[in-house]
PDB file of N, CA and C in Angstrom:
ATOM      1  N   PHE A   1      81.630  89.152  95.006  1.00  0.00           N
ATOM      2  CA  PHE A   1      80.377  89.778  94.656  1.00  0.00           C
ATOM      3  C   PHE A   1      79.773  89.165  93.402  1.00  0.00           C
ATOM      4  N   ASN A   2      80.625  88.657  92.540  1.00  0.00           N
ATOM      5  CA  ASN A   2      80.113  88.076  91.306  1.00  0.00           C
ATOM      6  C   ASN A   2      79.286  86.825  91.575  1.00  0.00           C
ATOM      7  N   PHE A   3      79.751  85.981  92.500  1.00  0.00           N
ATOM      8  CA  PHE A   3      79.014  84.741  92.756  1.00  0.00           C
ATOM      9  C   PHE A   3      77.691  84.995  93.463  1.00  0.00           C
ATOM     10  N   MET A   4      77.528  86.155  94.089  1.00  0.00           N
ATOM     11  CA  MET A   4      76.270  86.495  94.744  1.00  0.00           C
ATOM     12  C   MET A   4      75.332  87.254  93.827  1.00  0.00           C
ATOM     13  N   GLY A   5      75.788  87.580  92.632  1.00  0.00           N
ATOM     14  CA  GLY A   5      74.935  88.245  91.662  1.00  0.00           C
ATOM     15  C   GLY A   5      74.861  89.752  91.809  1.00  0.00           C
ATOM     16  N   MET A   6      75.799  90.353  92.542  1.00  0.00           N
ATOM     17  CA  MET A   6      75.802  91.807  92.705  1.00  0.00           C
ATOM     18  C   MET A   6      76.452  92.434  91.482  1.00  0.00           C
ATOM     19  N   LYS A   7      75.652  93.091  90.681  1.00  0.00           N
ATOM     20  CA  LYS A   7      76.150  93.686  89.445  1.00  0.00           C
ATOM     21  C   LYS A   7      76.330  95.198  89.551  1.00  0.00           C
ATOM     22  N   ARG A   8      75.589  95.847  90.429  1.00  0.00           N
ATOM     23  CA  ARG A   8      75.625  97.310  90.524  1.00  0.00           C
ATOM     24  C   ARG A   8      76.787  97.750  91.412  1.00  0.00           C
ATOM     25  N   TRP A   9      77.489  98.788  90.965  1.00  0.00           N
ATOM     26  CA  TRP A   9      78.653  99.269  91.705  1.00  0.00           C
ATOM     27  C   TRP A   9      78.267  99.882  93.039  1.00  0.00           C
ATOM     28  N   TRP A  10      77.094 100.522  93.106  1.00  0.00           N
ATOM     29  CA  TRP A  10      76.719 101.146  94.370  1.00  0.00           C
ATOM     30  C   TRP A  10      76.417 100.095  95.432  1.00  0.00           C
ATOM     31  N   VAL A  11      75.868  98.958  95.031  1.00  0.00           N
ATOM     32  CA  VAL A  11      75.589  97.883  95.989  1.00  0.00           C
ATOM     33  C   VAL A  11      76.900  97.287  96.491  1.00  0.00           C
ATOM     34  N   ARG A  12      77.818  97.055  95.578  1.00  0.00           N
ATOM     35  CA  ARG A  12      79.122  96.518  95.975  1.00  0.00           C
ATOM     36  C   ARG A  12      79.837  97.468  96.929  1.00  0.00           C
ATOM     37  N   GLY A  13      79.839  98.746  96.591  1.00  0.00           N
ATOM     38  CA  GLY A  13      80.520  99.718  97.432  1.00  0.00           C
ATOM     39  C   GLY A  13      79.887  99.867  98.802  1.00  0.00           C
ATOM     40  N   PHE A  14      78.565  99.935  98.852  1.00  0.00           N
ATOM     41  CA  PHE A  14      77.873 100.099 100.129  1.00  0.00           C
ATOM     42  C   PHE A  14      78.155  98.924 101.055  1.00  0.00           C
ATOM     43  N   THR A  15      78.100  97.710 100.524  1.00  0.00           N
ATOM     44  CA  THR A  15      78.363  96.537 101.360  1.00  0.00           C
ATOM     45  C   THR A  15      79.822  96.472 101.788  1.00  0.00           C
ATOM     46  N   MET A  16      80.739  96.904 100.928  1.00  0.00           N
ATOM     47  CA  MET A  16      82.152  96.927 101.327  1.00  0.00           C
ATOM     48  C   MET A  16      82.385  97.943 102.433  1.00  0.00           C
ATOM     49  N   GLY A  17      81.727  99.082 102.363  1.00  0.00           N
ATOM     50  CA  GLY A  17      81.861 100.083 103.416  1.00  0.00           C
ATOM     51  C   GLY A  17      81.293  99.614 104.741  1.00  0.00           C
ATOM     52  N   LEU A  18      80.182  98.895 104.700  1.00  0.00           N
ATOM     53  CA  LEU A  18      79.584  98.377 105.929  1.00  0.00           C
ATOM     54  C   LEU A  18      80.427  97.272 106.544  1.00  0.00           C
ATOM     55  N   ALA A  19      80.914  96.379 105.714  1.00  0.00           N
ATOM     56  CA  ALA A  19      81.587  95.191 106.227  1.00  0.00           C
ATOM     57  C   ALA A  19      83.071  95.414 106.518  1.00  0.00           C
ATOM     58  N   ALA A  20      83.773  96.118 105.661  1.00  0.00           N
ATOM     59  CA  ALA A  20      85.227  96.194 105.786  1.00  0.00           C
ATOM     60  C   ALA A  20      85.734  97.568 106.196  1.00  0.00           C
ATOM     61  N   HIS A  21      84.867  98.513 106.414  1.00  0.00           N
ATOM     62  CA  HIS A  21      85.197  99.859 106.893  1.00  0.00           C
ATOM     63  C   HIS A  21      86.273 100.523 106.040  1.00  0.00           C
ATOM     64  N   GLY A  22      87.368 100.964 106.637  1.00  0.00           N
ATOM     65  CA  GLY A  22      88.373 101.752 105.928  1.00  0.00           C
ATOM     66  C   GLY A  22      89.078 100.997 104.820  1.00  0.00           C
ATOM     67  N   ILE A  23      89.433  99.761 105.081  1.00  0.00           N
ATOM     68  CA  ILE A  23      90.129  98.972 104.063  1.00  0.00           C
ATOM     69  C   ILE A  23      89.192  98.680 102.901  1.00  0.00           C
ATOM     70  N   GLY A  24      87.941  98.361 103.191  1.00  0.00           N
ATOM     71  CA  GLY A  24      86.972  98.112 102.129  1.00  0.00           C
ATOM     72  C   GLY A  24      86.667  99.357 101.317  1.00  0.00           C
ATOM     73  N   THR A  25      86.621 100.504 101.987  1.00  0.00           N
ATOM     74  CA  THR A  25      86.373 101.757 101.279  1.00  0.00           C
ATOM     75  C   THR A  25      87.539 102.097 100.364  1.00  0.00           C
ATOM     76  N   ALA A  26      88.750 101.909 100.842  1.00  0.00           N
ATOM     77  CA  ALA A  26      89.923 102.162 100.001  1.00  0.00           C
ATOM     78  C   ALA A  26      89.945 101.231  98.794  1.00  0.00           C
ATOM     79  N   ARG A  27      89.604  99.987  99.017  1.00  0.00           N
ATOM     80  CA  ARG A  27      89.561  99.028  97.906  1.00  0.00           C
ATOM     81  C   ARG A  27      88.455  99.397  96.927  1.00  0.00           C
ATOM     82  N   ALA A  28      87.316  99.820  97.437  1.00  0.00           N
ATOM     83  CA  ALA A  28      86.206 100.201  96.561  1.00  0.00           C
ATOM     84  C   ALA A  28      86.591 101.382  95.682  1.00  0.00           C
ATOM     85  N   PHE A  29      87.299 102.363  96.235  1.00  0.00           N
ATOM     86  CA  PHE A  29      87.756 103.498  95.429  1.00  0.00           C
ATOM     87  C   PHE A  29      88.739 103.054  94.355  1.00  0.00           C
ATOM     88  N   SER A  30      89.565 102.057  94.654  1.00  0.00           N
ATOM     89  CA  SER A  30      90.530 101.599  93.655  1.00  0.00           C
ATOM     90  C   SER A  30      89.868 100.793  92.548  1.00  0.00           C
ATOM     91  N   VAL A  31      88.700 100.227  92.826  1.00  0.00           N
ATOM     92  CA  VAL A  31      88.004  99.417  91.826  1.00  0.00           C
ATOM     93  C   VAL A  31      87.132 100.285  90.925  1.00  0.00           C
ATOM     94  N   HIS A  32      86.309 101.162  91.542  1.00  0.00           N
ATOM     95  CA  HIS A  32      85.373 101.978  90.760  1.00  0.00           C
ATOM     96  C   HIS A  32      85.003 103.208  91.583  1.00  0.00           C
ATOM     97  N   PRO A  33      84.960 104.398  90.980  1.00  0.00           N
ATOM     98  CA  PRO A  33      84.640 105.615  91.745  1.00  0.00           C
ATOM     99  C   PRO A  33      83.262 105.591  92.400  1.00  0.00           C
ATOM    100  N   GLU A  34      82.271 105.051  91.716  1.00  0.00           N
ATOM    101  CA  GLU A  34      80.925 104.990  92.300  1.00  0.00           C
ATOM    102  C   GLU A  34      80.900 104.057  93.502  1.00  0.00           C
ATOM    103  N   ALA A  35      81.604 102.945  93.415  1.00  0.00           N
ATOM    104  CA  ALA A  35      81.680 102.026  94.549  1.00  0.00           C
ATOM    105  C   ALA A  35      82.337 102.704  95.743  1.00  0.00           C
ATOM    106  N   GLY A  36      83.352 103.504  95.499  1.00  0.00           N
ATOM    107  CA  GLY A  36      84.017 104.217  96.584  1.00  0.00           C
ATOM    108  C   GLY A  36      83.129 105.233  97.261  1.00  0.00           C
ATOM    109  N   ARG A  37      82.331 105.946  96.476  1.00  0.00           N
ATOM    110  CA  ARG A  37      81.409 106.929  97.070  1.00  0.00           C
ATOM    111  C   ARG A  37      80.406 106.247  97.989  1.00  0.00           C
ATOM    112  N   TYR A  38      79.835 105.159  97.539  1.00  0.00           N
ATOM    113  CA  TYR A  38      78.836 104.476  98.359  1.00  0.00           C
ATOM    114  C   TYR A  38      79.467 103.721  99.527  1.00  0.00           C
ATOM    115  N   ALA A  39      80.711 103.301  99.378  1.00  0.00           N
ATOM    116  CA  ALA A  39      81.410 102.689 100.508  1.00  0.00           C
ATOM    117  C   ALA A  39      81.617 103.717 101.615  1.00  0.00           C
ATOM    118  N   SER A  40      81.958 104.943 101.237  1.00  0.00           N
ATOM    119  CA  SER A  40      82.101 106.016 102.227  1.00  0.00           C
ATOM    120  C   SER A  40      80.780 106.296 102.922  1.00  0.00           C
ATOM    121  N   LEU A  41      79.711 106.328 102.152  1.00  0.00           N
ATOM    122  CA  LEU A  41      78.384 106.545 102.723  1.00  0.00           C
ATOM    123  C   LEU A  41      78.022 105.426 103.698  1.00  0.00           C
ATOM    124  N   GLY A  42      78.243 104.190 103.301  1.00  0.00           N
ATOM    125  CA  GLY A  42      77.929 103.052 104.166  1.00  0.00           C
ATOM    126  C   GLY A  42      78.731 103.058 105.450  1.00  0.00           C
ATOM    127  N   MET A  43      80.012 103.378 105.348  1.00  0.00           N
ATOM    128  CA  MET A  43      80.851 103.416 106.535  1.00  0.00           C
ATOM    129  C   MET A  43      80.402 104.535 107.476  1.00  0.00           C
ATOM    130  N   GLY A  44      80.070 105.691 106.931  1.00  0.00           N
ATOM    131  CA  GLY A  44      79.609 106.801 107.759  1.00  0.00           C
ATOM    132  C   GLY A  44      78.286 106.520 108.443  1.00  0.00           C
ATOM    133  N   LEU A  45      77.335 105.974 107.690  1.00  0.00           N
ATOM    134  CA  LEU A  45      76.033 105.648 108.284  1.00  0.00           C
ATOM    135  C   LEU A  45      76.159 104.572 109.351  1.00  0.00           C
ATOM    136  N   HIS A  46      77.036 103.606 109.121  1.00  0.00           N
ATOM    137  CA  HIS A  46      77.258 102.555 110.108  1.00  0.00           C
ATOM    138  C   HIS A  46      77.791 103.148 111.407  1.00  0.00           C
ATOM    139  N   GLY A  47      78.701 104.089 111.304  1.00  0.00           N
ATOM    140  CA  GLY A  47      79.239 104.735 112.498  1.00  0.00           C
ATOM    141  C   GLY A  47      78.201 105.556 113.241  1.00  0.00           C
ATOM    142  N   ILE A  48      77.400 106.303 112.510  1.00  0.00           N
ATOM    143  CA  ILE A  48      76.374 107.145 113.140  1.00  0.00           C
ATOM    144  C   ILE A  48      75.317 106.297 113.832  1.00  0.00           C
ATOM    145  N   PHE A  49      74.778 105.319 113.115  1.00  0.00           N
ATOM    146  CA  PHE A  49      73.736 104.491 113.715  1.00  0.00           C
ATOM    147  C   PHE A  49      74.275 103.635 114.850  1.00  0.00           C
ATOM    148  N   GLY A  50      75.519 103.197 114.727  1.00  0.00           N
ATOM    149  CA  GLY A  50      76.125 102.449 115.820  1.00  0.00           C
ATOM    150  C   GLY A  50      76.266 103.295 117.074  1.00  0.00           C
ATOM    151  N   ALA A  51      76.711 104.529 116.907  1.00  0.00           N
ATOM    152  CA  ALA A  51      76.883 105.418 118.055  1.00  0.00           C
ATOM    153  C   ALA A  51      75.549 105.771 118.702  1.00  0.00           C
ATOM    154  N   LEU A  52      74.494 105.826 117.920  1.00  0.00           N
ATOM    155  CA  LEU A  52      73.186 106.179 118.468  1.00  0.00           C
ATOM    156  C   LEU A  52      72.438 104.986 119.045  1.00  0.00           C
ATOM    157  N   LEU A  53      72.555 103.833 118.413  1.00  0.00           N
ATOM    158  CA  LEU A  53      71.731 102.694 118.810  1.00  0.00           C
ATOM    159  C   LEU A  53      72.370 101.774 119.846  1.00  0.00           C
ATOM    160  N   ILE A  54      73.674 101.640 119.854  1.00  0.00           N
ATOM    161  CA  ILE A  54      74.312 100.710 120.793  1.00  0.00           C
ATOM    162  C   ILE A  54      74.057 101.102 122.247  1.00  0.00           C
ATOM    163  N   PRO A  55      74.205 102.366 122.649  1.00  0.00           N
ATOM    164  CA  PRO A  55      73.881 102.702 124.047  1.00  0.00           C
ATOM    165  C   PRO A  55      72.414 102.444 124.399  1.00  0.00           C
ATOM    166  N   TRP A  56      71.528 102.695 123.460  1.00  0.00           N
ATOM    167  CA  TRP A  56      70.107 102.444 123.707  1.00  0.00           C
ATOM    168  C   TRP A  56      69.843 100.952 123.903  1.00  0.00           C
ATOM    169  N   VAL A  57      70.466 100.118 123.092  1.00  0.00           N
ATOM    170  CA  VAL A  57      70.272  98.668 123.199  1.00  0.00           C
ATOM    171  C   VAL A  57      70.828  98.154 124.524  1.00  0.00           C
ATOM    172  N   PHE A  58      72.020  98.616 124.912  1.00  0.00           N
ATOM    173  CA  PHE A  58      72.575  98.189 126.196  1.00  0.00           C
ATOM    174  C   PHE A  58      71.705  98.657 127.356  1.00  0.00           C
ATOM    175  N   GLY A  59      71.160  99.853 127.275  1.00  0.00           N
ATOM    176  CA  GLY A  59      70.256 100.332 128.316  1.00  0.00           C
ATOM    177  C   GLY A  59      68.964  99.541 128.370  1.00  0.00           C
ATOM    178  N   PHE A  60      68.503  99.095 127.223  1.00  0.00           N
ATOM    179  CA  PHE A  60      67.272  98.318 127.159  1.00  0.00           C
ATOM    180  C   PHE A  60      67.440  96.954 127.817  1.00  0.00           C
ATOM    181  N   PHE A  61      68.591  96.316 127.614  1.00  0.00           N
ATOM    182  CA  PHE A  61      68.811  94.974 128.149  1.00  0.00           C
ATOM    183  C   PHE A  61      69.404  94.970 129.554  1.00  0.00           C
ATOM    184  N   SER A  62      69.774  96.123 130.076  1.00  0.00           N
ATOM    185  CA  SER A  62      70.355  96.170 131.428  1.00  0.00           C
ATOM    186  C   SER A  62      69.288  96.278 132.490  1.00  0.00           C
TER     187      SER A  62
END
């Protein structure tokens, strides 16, 4: 995250939750509490939007 210029903990946590799911969220909590909170949020939103949008996309292309 340092080489990409991400300085804010919430940005780091949110991206870790989106990309690495449970392992990234656990790591984010071990690094900084704010990063862990946003990692949980990112992982949850990813699951909700995935469950809602993936069937619609498959139906659209079928």
